[in-house]
Amino acid sequence: MALATLGAVVLDCPDPRALAGFYAEVLGGTVEGEGDWVDLKVPGGQPLAFQAAPGFAAPGWPSAADSQQFHLDLAVDDLDAAEAAVLALGARVLDAEDRSRNWRVYADPAGHPFCLCAC
């Protein structure tokens, strides 16, 4: 028997409202809240939360000296179309050179790694 259920995945960032807006464009959903804590209610999924973190430093990736900490895998039907869309929203490419793979790695506007996966 489980001791708990997952309430939300929380991402530290410098601007919670802006980062929640980025993910709302990618995943859909409703952004709720202001200030230091903002929630993204995702249709049919767990909520994402965004917390202001003074002195925030983005995870390093790829780097033996810096850990990425965690990343989100986002399932998509068309990698090329999804890549174009997330880049237009402010993501940046971390690892997408091997076009034969069914996944590519990006950083959101605050620097958190995420993968687009056609798995």
N, C-alpha and C. Protein backbone atom coordinates (compact mmCIF):
# COMPACT_ATOMS: atom_id res chain seq x y z
N MET A 1 0.83 -1.18 0.00
CA MET A 1 0.00 0.00 0.00
C MET A 1 0.88 1.25 0.00
N ALA A 2 0.53 2.20 -0.82
CA ALA A 2 1.31 3.44 -0.93
C ALA A 2 1.16 4.29 0.33
N LEU A 3 2.21 4.99 0.66
CA LEU A 3 2.17 5.91 1.79
C LEU A 3 1.67 7.28 1.38
N ALA A 4 1.78 7.61 0.09
CA ALA A 4 1.40 8.94 -0.37
C ALA A 4 1.02 8.88 -1.84
N THR A 5 0.46 9.95 -2.32
CA THR A 5 0.21 10.11 -3.75
C THR A 5 0.95 11.35 -4.22
N LEU A 6 1.30 11.36 -5.48
CA LEU A 6 2.02 12.50 -6.04
C LEU A 6 1.08 13.69 -6.17
N GLY A 7 1.41 14.77 -5.50
CA GLY A 7 0.59 15.97 -5.57
C GLY A 7 0.93 16.82 -6.77
N ALA A 8 2.22 17.11 -6.95
CA ALA A 8 2.67 17.94 -8.07
C ALA A 8 4.17 17.77 -8.22
N VAL A 9 4.64 18.05 -9.41
CA VAL A 9 6.07 18.21 -9.65
C VAL A 9 6.31 19.71 -9.60
N VAL A 10 7.29 20.15 -8.80
CA VAL A 10 7.55 21.57 -8.59
C VAL A 10 8.90 21.93 -9.18
N LEU A 11 8.91 22.95 -10.03
CA LEU A 11 10.14 23.43 -10.64
C LEU A 11 10.51 24.77 -10.03
N ASP A 12 11.72 24.88 -9.48
CA ASP A 12 12.24 26.16 -9.04
C ASP A 12 12.59 26.98 -10.28
N CYS A 13 12.42 28.29 -10.20
CA CYS A 13 12.70 29.15 -11.35
C CYS A 13 12.72 30.60 -10.91
N PRO A 14 13.23 31.49 -11.76
CA PRO A 14 13.25 32.90 -11.39
C PRO A 14 11.89 33.59 -11.57
N ASP A 15 11.04 33.11 -12.50
CA ASP A 15 9.76 33.76 -12.79
C ASP A 15 8.68 32.70 -12.95
N PRO A 16 7.99 32.34 -11.86
CA PRO A 16 7.02 31.25 -11.91
C PRO A 16 5.91 31.45 -12.95
N ARG A 17 5.38 32.63 -13.07
CA ARG A 17 4.27 32.88 -14.01
C ARG A 17 4.75 32.68 -15.45
N ALA A 18 5.93 33.18 -15.78
CA ALA A 18 6.44 33.04 -17.14
C ALA A 18 6.71 31.58 -17.49
N LEU A 19 7.31 30.83 -16.57
CA LEU A 19 7.61 29.43 -16.86
C LEU A 19 6.34 28.60 -16.92
N ALA A 20 5.37 28.89 -16.07
CA ALA A 20 4.07 28.21 -16.15
C ALA A 20 3.41 28.50 -17.49
N GLY A 21 3.55 29.72 -17.99
CA GLY A 21 3.00 30.07 -19.30
C GLY A 21 3.66 29.28 -20.43
N PHE A 22 4.96 29.09 -20.34
CA PHE A 22 5.67 28.28 -21.34
C PHE A 22 5.08 26.87 -21.38
N TYR A 23 4.99 26.23 -20.20
CA TYR A 23 4.49 24.86 -20.16
C TYR A 23 3.00 24.78 -20.50
N ALA A 24 2.23 25.82 -20.23
CA ALA A 24 0.82 25.84 -20.62
C ALA A 24 0.70 25.82 -22.14
N GLU A 25 1.61 26.52 -22.83
CA GLU A 25 1.61 26.50 -24.29
C GLU A 25 2.01 25.12 -24.82
N VAL A 26 2.90 24.44 -24.13
CA VAL A 26 3.37 23.12 -24.56
C VAL A 26 2.35 22.04 -24.23
N LEU A 27 1.81 22.05 -23.01
CA LEU A 27 0.97 20.96 -22.52
C LEU A 27 -0.52 21.26 -22.49
N GLY A 28 -0.88 22.53 -22.67
CA GLY A 28 -2.27 22.93 -22.43
C GLY A 28 -2.47 23.14 -20.95
N GLY A 29 -3.68 23.44 -20.57
CA GLY A 29 -3.96 23.60 -19.15
C GLY A 29 -4.20 25.03 -18.75
N THR A 30 -4.38 25.21 -17.46
CA THR A 30 -4.74 26.50 -16.88
C THR A 30 -3.70 26.92 -15.86
N VAL A 31 -3.20 28.13 -16.01
CA VAL A 31 -2.24 28.70 -15.05
C VAL A 31 -3.03 29.39 -13.95
N GLU A 32 -2.71 29.03 -12.71
CA GLU A 32 -3.40 29.59 -11.55
C GLU A 32 -2.38 30.10 -10.54
N GLY A 33 -2.63 31.28 -10.02
CA GLY A 33 -1.78 31.83 -8.97
C GLY A 33 -0.91 32.97 -9.46
N GLU A 34 -0.34 33.64 -8.50
CA GLU A 34 0.55 34.78 -8.74
C GLU A 34 1.69 34.72 -7.73
N GLY A 35 2.68 35.54 -7.96
CA GLY A 35 3.74 35.66 -6.98
C GLY A 35 4.74 34.52 -7.00
N ASP A 36 5.08 34.05 -5.80
CA ASP A 36 6.16 33.07 -5.65
C ASP A 36 5.75 31.64 -5.96
N TRP A 37 4.46 31.35 -6.16
CA TRP A 37 3.99 29.99 -6.42
C TRP A 37 2.88 30.05 -7.45
N VAL A 38 3.04 29.32 -8.54
CA VAL A 38 2.05 29.27 -9.60
C VAL A 38 1.84 27.81 -9.97
N ASP A 39 0.57 27.42 -10.18
CA ASP A 39 0.23 26.06 -10.58
C ASP A 39 -0.19 26.02 -12.03
N LEU A 40 0.12 24.91 -12.69
CA LEU A 40 -0.40 24.62 -14.01
C LEU A 40 -1.23 23.36 -13.89
N LYS A 41 -2.54 23.50 -14.04
CA LYS A 41 -3.46 22.36 -14.02
C LYS A 41 -3.49 21.78 -15.43
N VAL A 42 -2.95 20.58 -15.58
CA VAL A 42 -2.80 19.94 -16.88
C VAL A 42 -3.98 18.99 -17.11
N PRO A 43 -4.67 19.10 -18.26
CA PRO A 43 -5.80 18.20 -18.51
C PRO A 43 -5.37 16.73 -18.46
N GLY A 44 -6.05 15.96 -17.63
CA GLY A 44 -5.79 14.53 -17.56
C GLY A 44 -4.45 14.14 -16.98
N GLY A 45 -3.77 15.04 -16.28
CA GLY A 45 -2.45 14.72 -15.75
C GLY A 45 -2.19 15.37 -14.41
N GLN A 46 -1.03 15.08 -13.89
CA GLN A 46 -0.60 15.68 -12.63
C GLN A 46 -0.31 17.16 -12.86
N PRO A 47 -0.58 17.97 -11.86
CA PRO A 47 -0.25 19.39 -12.01
C PRO A 47 1.26 19.62 -11.94
N LEU A 48 1.68 20.67 -12.59
CA LEU A 48 3.04 21.17 -12.43
C LEU A 48 2.94 22.45 -11.60
N ALA A 49 3.90 22.66 -10.73
CA ALA A 49 3.94 23.88 -9.94
C ALA A 49 5.29 24.55 -10.17
N PHE A 50 5.30 25.87 -10.02
CA PHE A 50 6.49 26.67 -10.28
C PHE A 50 6.69 27.58 -9.09
N GLN A 51 7.89 27.50 -8.52
CA GLN A 51 8.21 28.21 -7.29
C GLN A 51 9.37 29.17 -7.52
N ALA A 52 9.20 30.40 -7.08
CA ALA A 52 10.28 31.38 -7.20
C ALA A 52 11.46 30.93 -6.33
N ALA A 53 12.64 31.01 -6.90
CA ALA A 53 13.85 30.60 -6.18
C ALA A 53 14.90 31.70 -6.34
N PRO A 54 15.05 32.54 -5.32
CA PRO A 54 16.09 33.56 -5.39
C PRO A 54 17.46 32.92 -5.61
N GLY A 55 18.23 33.47 -6.51
CA GLY A 55 19.55 32.93 -6.81
C GLY A 55 19.50 31.66 -7.65
N PHE A 56 18.38 31.41 -8.31
CA PHE A 56 18.23 30.20 -9.11
C PHE A 56 19.37 30.06 -10.11
N ALA A 57 19.92 28.86 -10.20
CA ALA A 57 20.92 28.52 -11.20
C ALA A 57 20.40 27.31 -11.96
N ALA A 58 20.32 27.42 -13.27
CA ALA A 58 19.81 26.32 -14.09
C ALA A 58 20.71 25.09 -13.97
N PRO A 59 20.10 23.89 -14.05
CA PRO A 59 20.92 22.68 -14.04
C PRO A 59 21.87 22.66 -15.23
N GLY A 60 23.01 22.03 -15.06
CA GLY A 60 23.95 21.88 -16.16
C GLY A 60 23.70 20.59 -16.91
N TRP A 61 23.69 20.66 -18.22
CA TRP A 61 23.49 19.43 -19.02
C TRP A 61 24.01 19.68 -20.41
N PRO A 62 24.76 18.82 -21.00
CA PRO A 62 25.41 17.67 -20.36
C PRO A 62 26.70 18.13 -19.70
N SER A 63 26.95 17.62 -18.55
CA SER A 63 28.16 18.00 -17.84
C SER A 63 28.44 16.98 -16.76
N ALA A 64 29.66 16.52 -16.70
CA ALA A 64 30.04 15.59 -15.64
C ALA A 64 30.09 16.30 -14.29
N ALA A 65 30.31 17.61 -14.30
CA ALA A 65 30.43 18.38 -13.07
C ALA A 65 29.08 18.84 -12.54
N ASP A 66 28.07 18.97 -13.39
CA ASP A 66 26.75 19.45 -12.99
C ASP A 66 25.70 18.40 -13.33
N SER A 67 24.81 18.16 -12.42
CA SER A 67 23.74 17.20 -12.64
C SER A 67 22.51 17.91 -13.19
N GLN A 68 21.76 17.21 -14.02
CA GLN A 68 20.52 17.80 -14.52
C GLN A 68 19.40 17.70 -13.48
N GLN A 69 19.61 16.99 -12.39
CA GLN A 69 18.66 16.83 -11.29
C GLN A 69 17.47 15.95 -11.67
N PHE A 70 16.70 16.34 -12.64
CA PHE A 70 15.57 15.58 -13.16
C PHE A 70 15.23 16.17 -14.51
N HIS A 71 14.36 15.50 -15.26
CA HIS A 71 13.86 16.10 -16.49
C HIS A 71 12.46 15.57 -16.76
N LEU A 72 11.72 16.28 -17.59
CA LEU A 72 10.39 15.86 -17.99
C LEU A 72 10.47 15.20 -19.36
N ASP A 73 9.79 14.08 -19.53
CA ASP A 73 9.62 13.46 -20.85
C ASP A 73 8.23 13.82 -21.34
N LEU A 74 8.15 14.51 -22.47
CA LEU A 74 6.88 14.95 -23.04
C LEU A 74 6.62 14.18 -24.33
N ALA A 75 5.55 13.39 -24.34
CA ALA A 75 5.22 12.56 -25.50
C ALA A 75 4.59 13.42 -26.60
N VAL A 76 5.08 13.24 -27.82
CA VAL A 76 4.57 13.99 -28.98
C VAL A 76 4.37 13.03 -30.15
N ASP A 77 3.52 13.43 -31.09
CA ASP A 77 3.30 12.63 -32.30
C ASP A 77 4.33 12.94 -33.38
N ASP A 78 4.75 14.18 -33.49
CA ASP A 78 5.63 14.63 -34.56
C ASP A 78 6.79 15.41 -33.95
N LEU A 79 7.97 14.80 -33.90
CA LEU A 79 9.13 15.45 -33.28
C LEU A 79 9.50 16.76 -33.95
N ASP A 80 9.49 16.79 -35.27
CA ASP A 80 9.90 18.01 -35.97
C ASP A 80 8.94 19.16 -35.68
N ALA A 81 7.64 18.89 -35.73
CA ALA A 81 6.65 19.95 -35.46
C ALA A 81 6.73 20.41 -34.01
N ALA A 82 6.88 19.46 -33.08
CA ALA A 82 6.97 19.82 -31.67
C ALA A 82 8.25 20.61 -31.39
N GLU A 83 9.35 20.21 -32.04
CA GLU A 83 10.60 20.95 -31.87
C GLU A 83 10.44 22.39 -32.32
N ALA A 84 9.88 22.60 -33.48
CA ALA A 84 9.68 23.97 -33.98
C ALA A 84 8.83 24.78 -33.02
N ALA A 85 7.80 24.15 -32.47
CA ALA A 85 6.89 24.87 -31.57
C ALA A 85 7.58 25.24 -30.26
N VAL A 86 8.31 24.31 -29.63
CA VAL A 86 8.94 24.65 -28.35
C VAL A 86 10.07 25.67 -28.54
N LEU A 87 10.77 25.60 -29.66
CA LEU A 87 11.80 26.61 -29.92
C LEU A 87 11.19 27.99 -30.10
N ALA A 88 10.04 28.06 -30.77
CA ALA A 88 9.35 29.34 -30.95
C ALA A 88 8.85 29.90 -29.62
N LEU A 89 8.61 29.02 -28.64
CA LEU A 89 8.15 29.45 -27.32
C LEU A 89 9.29 29.84 -26.39
N GLY A 90 10.54 29.63 -26.83
CA GLY A 90 11.67 30.05 -26.01
C GLY A 90 12.56 28.94 -25.49
N ALA A 91 12.27 27.68 -25.85
CA ALA A 91 13.16 26.59 -25.46
C ALA A 91 14.45 26.68 -26.27
N ARG A 92 15.49 25.97 -25.81
CA ARG A 92 16.72 25.90 -26.59
C ARG A 92 17.16 24.45 -26.68
N VAL A 93 17.84 24.12 -27.75
CA VAL A 93 18.28 22.76 -28.00
C VAL A 93 19.46 22.42 -27.09
N LEU A 94 19.40 21.24 -26.46
CA LEU A 94 20.54 20.71 -25.72
C LEU A 94 21.18 19.54 -26.47
N ASP A 95 20.33 18.66 -27.03
CA ASP A 95 20.85 17.49 -27.74
C ASP A 95 19.80 17.01 -28.73
N ALA A 96 19.92 17.42 -29.97
CA ALA A 96 18.95 17.02 -30.99
C ALA A 96 19.62 16.74 -32.33
N GLU A 97 20.94 16.54 -32.31
CA GLU A 97 21.66 16.33 -33.57
C GLU A 97 21.35 14.99 -34.22
N ASP A 98 21.19 13.94 -33.41
CA ASP A 98 20.93 12.60 -33.96
C ASP A 98 19.44 12.47 -34.28
N ARG A 99 19.10 12.75 -35.53
CA ARG A 99 17.70 12.75 -35.94
C ARG A 99 17.14 11.34 -36.13
N SER A 100 17.96 10.29 -35.96
CA SER A 100 17.47 8.93 -36.07
C SER A 100 16.83 8.45 -34.76
N ARG A 101 17.11 9.14 -33.65
CA ARG A 101 16.53 8.76 -32.36
C ARG A 101 15.06 9.20 -32.29
N ASN A 102 14.32 8.58 -31.39
CA ASN A 102 12.92 8.97 -31.22
C ASN A 102 12.75 9.93 -30.04
N TRP A 103 13.81 10.63 -29.65
CA TRP A 103 13.75 11.64 -28.60
C TRP A 103 14.82 12.70 -28.84
N ARG A 104 14.54 13.89 -28.32
CA ARG A 104 15.46 15.03 -28.40
C ARG A 104 15.39 15.80 -27.09
N VAL A 105 16.50 16.45 -26.73
CA VAL A 105 16.59 17.11 -25.43
C VAL A 105 16.67 18.63 -25.63
N TYR A 106 15.91 19.35 -24.80
CA TYR A 106 15.82 20.81 -24.84
C TYR A 106 15.91 21.36 -23.42
N ALA A 107 16.07 22.65 -23.31
CA ALA A 107 15.96 23.34 -22.02
C ALA A 107 14.81 24.32 -22.12
N ASP A 108 14.01 24.39 -21.07
CA ASP A 108 12.93 25.38 -21.04
C ASP A 108 13.54 26.77 -20.83
N PRO A 109 12.75 27.84 -20.86
CA PRO A 109 13.33 29.18 -20.73
C PRO A 109 14.11 29.43 -19.44
N ALA A 110 13.86 28.65 -18.39
CA ALA A 110 14.61 28.80 -17.14
C ALA A 110 15.82 27.87 -17.10
N GLY A 111 15.96 26.98 -18.11
CA GLY A 111 17.13 26.11 -18.18
C GLY A 111 16.91 24.67 -17.75
N HIS A 112 15.68 24.29 -17.35
CA HIS A 112 15.42 22.90 -16.96
C HIS A 112 15.40 22.02 -18.21
N PRO A 113 16.09 20.89 -18.19
CA PRO A 113 16.06 19.98 -19.33
C PRO A 113 14.70 19.28 -19.45
N PHE A 114 14.28 19.07 -20.69
CA PHE A 114 13.11 18.23 -20.96
C PHE A 114 13.31 17.55 -22.29
N CYS A 115 12.66 16.41 -22.46
CA CYS A 115 12.76 15.66 -23.71
C CYS A 115 11.42 15.66 -24.44
N LEU A 116 11.47 15.79 -25.74
CA LEU A 116 10.33 15.49 -26.58
C LEU A 116 10.56 14.06 -27.06
N CYS A 117 9.55 13.22 -26.86
CA CYS A 117 9.69 11.79 -27.16
C CYS A 117 8.55 11.34 -28.07
N ALA A 118 8.90 10.72 -29.18
CA ALA A 118 7.92 10.07 -30.04
C ALA A 118 8.04 8.58 -29.80
N CYS A 119 7.70 8.16 -28.61
CA CYS A 119 7.92 6.79 -28.15
C CYS A 119 6.63 5.99 -28.19
